[in-house]
């Protein structure tokens, strides 16, 4: 038993529930309109009350904020907007006191153009860091080295007059890509990882992990088939190419092995990677988490899309289980880069609260670890912002066709009637939507039927049942928009059924379990589930769920 408990502790990440905090929008304690580390520390009790296992902090490092902190100018310090290293140490101490692990972002595919490394690199072609970034000569006509495009629009190359060369940037021109083909760059980045490990962090979320390595020969990306056929309706030039050479290169695996070797020097540490590759997401994820010598887990954007159906969810889960049978996945429905899932999936005439409750029941029953995004436990919808309130460079550039990411980044709501809903005493960096105030924590805290109560109830159910944390998953056949599967670990077998439709559905229990007693779990005080079994038929209301023990 002792060995089993030790193994569970060392693999705390397997089946864990992670809560993502976007620091600038969580809690302001300094009165400058932006959240900070002390604010996060003051609200950790709320996070712990949900029944989660870990907190993931989005970037808080020194940054000019061209991309809201994803342009790092000092990997080893806290931006003054968020506080100090001492504030970080206090935060991690309080998290550990509350039984929470702490995961922090590592944004190492690129830095800020204000980072001292890049300042030196761009100064000449022969300095000590001249090869730390991706530099290339112009073509004879002065144009960019190849056809690579930036994810944020336009070419992925920026001309530098001092070096008389182009540098590569997958994102903004203010975010130059580091050259992972240079071992010195890898060493320097791993040193920064060690810095945070020494400070006691429990793990890392690796931003854009498949963007680290580029093709040495700078070969052109081929066009997508839809682009060739003239049927590509994308709004960004980035989506017209098949990204074979600017990311997801096989050499990346060797760096991830180096990263894992460092991680393994520190007991009970883990990492989750963000894989952004629409064409090869699951194959890439499988390569990064298989074998036990790279990342413990990854997530993709497959369930962060507008698609909402039983077939889509089953397809994503089965594809991963088939592609990476020895790997582990982290599922999420919302994060700081996508429209909140309640807004993506709620159909006209449906209740956003019903969608929020259905979603957390579904997410909690999937095999894998799960990640929640701040505010989803309140059922927050995407905020509608005026153009003049935008801060996201994507939204500013592509408005109004693409409204950007600010709508999911608005401040957390703590007290409905307080100034700025308790987030700040100053004008917030993004507006506090009036429509969100009625969903503040203080209102939902005492309501048994609230979305917040549903999250606590369902996450408590997950925590109590090993089959939901780390059991196997086997899908059952179901007609219509019904998803049914069995989670099993040792002798515990759980039946999980979900009706994605806007109409009631019935599902006949299959012969293998039809004669076995099904015990429904009583977690319905918050109106989460709602499925009822009568004479071997499960009746499900619209957006209804059922979780019960077989036998």
Foldseek 3Di string as FASTA:
>chain_A
DVVVVVVCLLVVQQLFEEEEDAQQFEFPDPFPQGGALLGCLVCVVVVLLLVGAAYEYEAQAADPCLFDRLAHQDLQWGHVRHPTVVSVLSSCVSCVVSNYAYAYEDNAQWHFCNHPLNVQLLQECDDPSVQFFAKDAADPVRHAPEQDAAPLAGHQWDADPNHNIIFGHNHDPRTTGTAPVDVVSLVVSLVSVVSVVVSPHQEYEYEQLFQNHFAPVPDYFAFDPCLVVVNDPDPHPNNGGQPPGRTNDPVSLVSQLVSQVSQVVHGSHFYEYEHEHVVCRLLSQLSQFADPRGHQEYEYCQLCDLDFFQVSVVVVQVSNCVNRVPHAYEDENDEQWGFHNLQSHADPPGDLQLVLLLVLLVNLQRRHYYYHYPPSLLSDGFDDDDLVLDDRSSCVVRPPVDNGRVRVSHHAAAALPDDQNNRHPYNHSGHNDNVCSCSHCVNCVPDLQGSNVSSSLSSVVSVVDVLSSHFDWDWDDDDDRKTWIWGDDDPWIKIKMWRQAQAKDKTAADPVQQPWDWAWDPSCSNPRAAWDDDNRMIIAGHRHMTMTTTD
